[in-house]
Structure formats: structure tokens, C-alpha cells
Amino acid sequence: LQLVEVGEVSPFSFFRSYGMDNSRATRLGFAFRAAPAWLSAAVAETLGKDGD
């Protein structure tokens, strides 16, 4: 656990874990790709790098 100042908390920082179910979104027509297909580019974009 890493404590941070107010305003610096990530929206992905939780004190508990929970699962997410994408089945309803899938039924409504949303498509999801596996994390390896997009994760490295998202991290690179966040860090201000090219991502290639």
C-alpha cells in the first residue's frame, strides 16, 4: 500500500479487489480486445512515449 497526498490518487487505486463482468456490454455490441493487444501502447502514451 502506497499512501499519496489528496488529489494524487489513481482512479484505479482501491482498498479492495473486485471482478468486473463485461457480458452486458458485449450483448449491447461493445467489443473488447485482450490486454496484450493494447496495454503497452496505453502505458507508452501515459508516459509520453511513442508506443511503437
C-alpha atoms as a PDB file:
ATOM      1  CA  LEU A   1       0.000   0.000   0.000  1.00  0.00           C
ATOM      2  CA  GLN A   2       1.387   3.376  -1.005  1.00  0.00           C
ATOM      3  CA  LEU A   3      -0.080   6.463   0.656  1.00  0.00           C
ATOM      4  CA  VAL A   4      -0.348   9.575  -1.519  1.00  0.00           C
ATOM      5  CA  GLU A   5      -1.440  13.161  -0.981  1.00  0.00           C
ATOM      6  CA  VAL A   6      -5.035  14.193  -1.668  1.00  0.00           C
ATOM      7  CA  GLY A   7      -5.557  14.732  -5.385  1.00  0.00           C
ATOM      8  CA  GLU A   8      -2.897  12.221  -6.421  1.00  0.00           C
ATOM      9  CA  VAL A   9      -4.947   9.043  -6.043  1.00  0.00           C
ATOM     10  CA  SER A  10      -5.330   6.983  -9.175  1.00  0.00           C
ATOM     11  CA  PRO A  11      -8.897   6.098 -10.178  1.00  0.00           C
ATOM     12  CA  PHE A  12      -7.589   2.523 -10.297  1.00  0.00           C
ATOM     13  CA  SER A  13      -6.385   2.533  -6.672  1.00  0.00           C
ATOM     14  CA  PHE A  14      -8.716   0.536  -4.440  1.00  0.00           C
ATOM     15  CA  PHE A  15      -8.529  -0.816  -0.910  1.00  0.00           C
ATOM     16  CA  ARG A  16     -10.269  -3.989  -2.099  1.00  0.00           C
ATOM     17  CA  SER A  17     -10.347  -6.021  -5.269  1.00  0.00           C
ATOM     18  CA  TYR A  18     -13.403  -6.937  -7.269  1.00  0.00           C
ATOM     19  CA  GLY A  19     -14.208  -8.624 -10.529  1.00  0.00           C
ATOM     20  CA  MET A  20     -15.851  -6.979 -13.492  1.00  0.00           C
ATOM     21  CA  ASP A  21     -18.337  -8.603 -15.847  1.00  0.00           C
ATOM     22  CA  ASN A  22     -18.334  -7.373 -19.443  1.00  0.00           C
ATOM     23  CA  SER A  23     -21.149  -9.648 -20.609  1.00  0.00           C
ATOM     24  CA  ARG A  24     -23.829  -6.929 -20.692  1.00  0.00           C
ATOM     25  CA  ALA A  25     -21.593  -4.566 -22.664  1.00  0.00           C
ATOM     26  CA  THR A  26     -20.783  -7.414 -25.060  1.00  0.00           C
ATOM     27  CA  ARG A  27     -24.509  -8.141 -25.538  1.00  0.00           C
ATOM     28  CA  LEU A  28     -25.006  -4.443 -26.319  1.00  0.00           C
ATOM     29  CA  GLY A  29     -22.425  -4.637 -29.111  1.00  0.00           C
ATOM     30  CA  PHE A  30     -19.220  -3.433 -27.481  1.00  0.00           C
ATOM     31  CA  ALA A  31     -16.098  -5.343 -28.496  1.00  0.00           C
ATOM     32  CA  PHE A  32     -13.217  -5.988 -26.115  1.00  0.00           C
ATOM     33  CA  ARG A  33      -9.654  -6.894 -27.047  1.00  0.00           C
ATOM     34  CA  ALA A  34      -7.193  -8.826 -24.916  1.00  0.00           C
ATOM     35  CA  ALA A  35      -4.996  -6.565 -22.769  1.00  0.00           C
ATOM     36  CA  PRO A  36      -1.737  -7.531 -24.556  1.00  0.00           C
ATOM     37  CA  ALA A  37      -3.206  -6.038 -27.747  1.00  0.00           C
ATOM     38  CA  TRP A  38      -3.433  -2.516 -26.291  1.00  0.00           C
ATOM     39  CA  LEU A  39      -1.749  -2.310 -22.879  1.00  0.00           C
ATOM     40  CA  SER A  40       1.813  -1.471 -23.956  1.00  0.00           C
ATOM     41  CA  ALA A  41       0.583   1.370 -26.196  1.00  0.00           C
ATOM     42  CA  ALA A  42      -1.602   2.745 -23.382  1.00  0.00           C
ATOM     43  CA  VAL A  43       1.322   2.717 -20.944  1.00  0.00           C
ATOM     44  CA  ALA A  44       3.617   4.351 -23.504  1.00  0.00           C
ATOM     45  CA  GLU A  45       1.007   7.046 -24.201  1.00  0.00           C
ATOM     46  CA  THR A  46       0.617   7.703 -20.482  1.00  0.00           C
ATOM     47  CA  LEU A  47       4.378   8.032 -20.112  1.00  0.00           C
ATOM     48  CA  GLY A  48       4.559  10.335 -23.141  1.00  0.00           C
ATOM     49  CA  LYS A  49       6.387   7.872 -25.373  1.00  0.00           C
ATOM     50  CA  ASP A  50       5.669   6.829 -28.967  1.00  0.00           C
ATOM     51  CA  GLY A  51       4.275   3.378 -28.129  1.00  0.00           C
ATOM     52  CA  ASP A  52       5.602   1.595 -31.228  1.00  0.00           C
END
